[in-house]
Amino acid sequence: MQSIVFATGNPHKVLEANAALGGAFAIIGLKDIGCPEDLPEDQPTLEGNALQKARYVHRHFQVNCFSEDTGLEVDALEGAPGVYSARFAGPAKDPEANMALLLEKLKGQENRRARFRTVIALILDEEEHLFEGAVEGRIAYRKTGENGFGYDPIFIPEGSSRSFAEMSTAEKNTISHRARAVAKLRSFLLERAARP
């Protein structure tokens, strides 16, 4: 089975990617190749950050790899926190502080529409490819659920009354932004592997 490096130090993301790829490929993380987990990501867009991280890993470790950047875009905040989602409340990248700040900024706000958007940058055999997935939803008034990570406890996807954190990984993987982007990645990889 071919292995591909997922340029992340987040074990939750590696688990989600392995589940979504259905065992077609072995997804390994940065720890598995001895790469530092704090990759450069100082671009103004999700696409730019994803490419920057993938290029860094590819250049330094000469491996096929992919990276992703995900942003939570809140309509009432004109698309913020967006590319700054992980460090919305500061450089510590504290999910609890990020959620608390977002809920504070939305206090008294009726428009709670939001979306999660993921962009995956793949570098395979020296070629670069981009895949995007998005899911619409809304920001809850308080945290619910124990699963997931990041903003999952306050994001309720469209068509559901439960937050991502109230769903199992399998449930979330049927509708999440990351799962949709990974599904496009999987289709591409399977098609590529099937070529003579």
Protein backbone atom coordinates (compact mmCIF):
# COMPACT_ATOMS: atom_id res chain seq x y z
CA MET A 1 0.00 0.00 0.00
CA GLN A 2 1.37 3.38 -1.01
CA SER A 3 1.97 5.81 1.84
CA ILE A 4 1.51 9.55 1.53
CA VAL A 5 2.57 12.08 4.15
CA PHE A 6 -0.17 14.31 5.52
CA ALA A 7 1.68 17.49 6.50
CA THR A 8 0.04 17.88 9.89
CA GLY A 9 0.99 17.24 13.49
CA ASN A 10 -2.67 16.84 14.45
CA PRO A 11 -3.39 13.12 15.05
CA HIS A 12 -7.17 13.76 14.78
CA LYS A 13 -6.72 14.98 11.20
CA VAL A 14 -4.58 11.95 10.30
CA LEU A 15 -7.27 9.63 11.71
CA GLU A 16 -10.02 11.44 9.78
CA ALA A 17 -8.03 11.29 6.55
CA ASN A 18 -7.30 7.58 6.96
CA ALA A 19 -11.00 6.90 7.63
CA ALA A 20 -12.12 8.99 4.66
CA LEU A 21 -9.60 7.45 2.27
CA GLY A 22 -11.05 4.05 3.11
CA GLY A 23 -7.74 2.21 3.42
CA ALA A 24 -6.80 2.87 -0.20
CA PHE A 25 -3.62 4.59 0.94
CA ALA A 26 -1.62 4.64 4.17
CA ILE A 27 -1.67 8.18 5.49
CA ILE A 28 1.18 9.04 7.85
CA GLY A 29 1.85 12.25 9.74
CA LEU A 30 4.83 14.51 10.27
CA LYS A 31 5.99 12.60 13.36
CA ASP A 32 6.42 9.50 11.21
CA ILE A 33 9.06 11.18 9.05
CA GLY A 34 10.73 13.19 11.83
CA CYS A 35 9.50 16.53 10.53
CA PRO A 36 8.90 19.41 12.95
CA GLU A 37 5.18 19.96 13.41
CA ASP A 38 5.21 23.75 13.31
CA LEU A 39 5.25 24.33 9.55
CA PRO A 40 5.35 27.80 8.00
CA GLU A 41 1.90 29.15 7.15
CA ASP A 42 1.93 32.90 6.72
CA GLN A 43 0.00 33.27 3.47
CA PRO A 44 -3.16 35.41 3.20
CA THR A 45 -5.32 32.58 1.77
CA LEU A 46 -6.17 28.97 2.62
CA GLU A 47 -4.80 27.90 -0.78
CA GLY A 48 -1.52 29.73 -0.14
CA ASN A 49 -1.06 28.19 3.31
CA ALA A 50 -1.82 24.66 2.09
CA LEU A 51 0.70 24.97 -0.74
CA GLN A 52 3.33 26.55 1.52
CA LYS A 53 3.19 23.65 3.99
CA ALA A 54 3.19 20.94 1.31
CA ARG A 55 6.11 22.57 -0.51
CA TYR A 56 8.09 22.76 2.73
CA VAL A 57 7.66 19.04 3.46
CA HIS A 58 8.30 18.02 -0.15
CA ARG A 59 11.44 20.16 -0.40
CA HIS A 60 12.96 19.01 2.89
CA PHE A 61 11.96 15.32 2.89
CA GLN A 62 11.52 14.47 -0.83
CA VAL A 63 8.22 12.66 -0.24
CA ASN A 64 4.82 12.67 -1.87
CA CYS A 65 2.67 14.66 0.51
CA PHE A 66 -0.41 16.74 1.00
CA SER A 67 -1.33 19.53 3.34
CA GLU A 68 -4.55 21.29 4.12
CA ASP A 69 -5.67 24.57 5.52
CA THR A 70 -9.12 25.02 6.93
CA GLY A 71 -10.98 28.17 7.81
CA LEU A 72 -14.25 28.91 9.54
CA GLU A 73 -15.92 31.77 7.68
CA VAL A 74 -18.63 33.60 9.64
CA ASP A 75 -20.94 35.85 7.60
CA ALA A 76 -21.61 38.34 10.42
CA LEU A 77 -17.83 38.80 10.82
CA GLU A 78 -17.29 39.37 7.09
CA GLY A 79 -15.68 35.95 6.63
CA ALA A 80 -13.52 36.03 9.78
CA PRO A 81 -11.77 34.23 11.33
CA GLY A 82 -11.07 32.57 7.95
CA VAL A 83 -7.37 31.96 7.34
CA TYR A 84 -6.70 32.98 10.96
CA SER A 85 -9.08 30.39 12.46
CA ALA A 86 -6.41 28.41 14.35
CA ARG A 87 -4.90 31.51 15.94
CA PHE A 88 -8.05 33.67 16.18
CA ALA A 89 -7.48 34.34 19.91
CA GLY A 90 -3.69 34.50 19.63
CA PRO A 91 -0.57 32.57 18.62
CA ALA A 92 -1.13 29.81 21.22
CA LYS A 93 -3.73 28.23 18.87
CA ASP A 94 -5.99 27.47 21.86
CA PRO A 95 -9.32 26.02 20.64
CA GLU A 96 -11.15 26.96 23.86
CA ALA A 97 -9.97 30.57 23.65
CA ASN A 98 -10.84 30.70 19.93
CA MET A 99 -14.40 29.48 20.57
CA ALA A 100 -14.86 31.84 23.52
CA LEU A 101 -13.74 34.83 21.44
CA LEU A 102 -16.00 33.88 18.53
CA LEU A 103 -19.05 33.43 20.77
CA GLU A 104 -18.28 36.78 22.41
CA LYS A 105 -18.08 38.54 19.04
CA LEU A 106 -21.43 37.02 18.01
CA LYS A 107 -23.21 37.96 21.24
CA GLY A 108 -26.62 39.43 20.33
CA GLN A 109 -26.09 38.60 16.65
CA GLU A 110 -29.02 36.84 14.96
CA ASN A 111 -27.18 36.06 11.72
CA ARG A 112 -25.04 33.08 12.69
CA ARG A 113 -24.51 31.63 9.22
CA ALA A 114 -21.06 30.21 8.67
CA ARG A 115 -19.14 27.69 6.64
CA PHE A 116 -16.10 25.53 7.05
CA ARG A 117 -13.83 25.48 4.01
CA THR A 118 -10.87 23.16 3.48
CA VAL A 119 -8.26 23.39 0.74
CA ILE A 120 -5.90 20.45 0.19
CA ALA A 121 -2.61 20.89 -1.68
CA LEU A 122 -1.12 17.64 -3.00
CA ILE A 123 2.41 17.28 -4.35
CA LEU A 124 2.66 13.97 -6.18
CA ASP A 125 5.51 13.07 -8.50
CA GLU A 126 6.62 16.73 -8.57
CA GLU A 127 3.15 17.96 -9.66
CA GLU A 128 0.91 20.24 -7.55
CA HIS A 129 -2.87 19.80 -7.31
CA LEU A 130 -5.57 21.60 -5.27
CA PHE A 131 -8.86 20.17 -3.93
CA GLU A 132 -11.55 22.07 -2.02
CA GLY A 133 -14.43 21.05 0.22
CA ALA A 134 -16.97 23.19 2.08
CA VAL A 135 -19.95 22.74 4.37
CA GLU A 136 -22.54 25.38 5.22
CA GLY A 137 -23.98 25.73 8.69
CA ARG A 138 -24.35 28.05 11.66
CA ILE A 139 -22.63 28.95 14.91
CA ALA A 140 -24.40 27.67 18.02
CA TYR A 141 -24.98 29.81 21.11
CA ARG A 142 -22.98 27.44 23.31
CA LYS A 143 -20.66 24.45 23.08
CA THR A 144 -22.13 20.94 22.85
CA GLY A 145 -20.52 17.53 22.35
CA GLU A 146 -17.25 15.88 23.28
CA ASN A 147 -15.92 14.64 19.91
CA GLY A 148 -13.98 16.39 17.19
CA PHE A 149 -11.61 19.29 17.63
CA GLY A 150 -11.23 22.99 16.87
CA TYR A 151 -14.58 24.76 16.46
CA ASP A 152 -16.56 21.49 16.20
CA PRO A 153 -18.49 22.03 19.49
CA ILE A 154 -20.05 25.28 18.21
CA PHE A 155 -20.57 24.49 14.50
CA ILE A 156 -23.93 23.00 13.47
CA PRO A 157 -23.92 21.83 9.84
CA GLU A 158 -26.88 22.61 7.60
CA GLY A 159 -29.69 20.08 7.92
CA SER A 160 -28.64 18.99 11.42
CA SER A 161 -29.58 20.01 14.95
CA ARG A 162 -26.31 18.65 16.37
CA SER A 163 -22.84 20.13 16.40
CA PHE A 164 -19.92 18.36 14.72
CA ALA A 165 -18.69 17.50 18.24
CA GLU A 166 -21.90 15.56 18.89
CA MET A 167 -21.29 13.34 15.86
CA SER A 168 -19.10 10.26 15.56
CA THR A 169 -16.10 10.46 13.24
CA ALA A 170 -18.00 8.26 10.77
CA GLU A 171 -21.02 10.61 10.80
CA LYS A 172 -18.88 13.71 10.43
CA ASN A 173 -16.95 12.10 7.58
CA THR A 174 -20.13 11.84 5.51
CA ILE A 175 -20.66 15.61 5.41
CA SER A 176 -17.64 17.55 6.65
CA HIS A 177 -15.66 20.06 4.63
CA ARG A 178 -12.45 18.09 5.14
CA ALA A 179 -14.12 14.82 4.16
CA ARG A 180 -15.42 16.41 0.96
CA ALA A 181 -11.97 17.71 0.04
CA VAL A 182 -10.41 14.34 0.95
CA ALA A 183 -13.01 12.55 -1.23
CA LYS A 184 -11.82 14.61 -4.21
CA LEU A 185 -8.22 13.79 -3.29
CA ARG A 186 -9.11 10.08 -3.03
CA SER A 187 -10.80 10.04 -6.45
CA PHE A 188 -7.75 11.67 -7.97
CA LEU A 189 -5.33 9.24 -6.31
CA LEU A 190 -7.39 6.17 -7.29
CA GLU A 191 -7.60 7.36 -10.87
CA ARG A 192 -3.86 8.04 -10.88
CA ALA A 193 -3.08 4.61 -9.40
CA ALA A 194 -5.24 2.89 -12.04
CA ARG A 195 -3.23 4.31 -14.93
CA PRO A 196 -1.10 1.72 -16.74
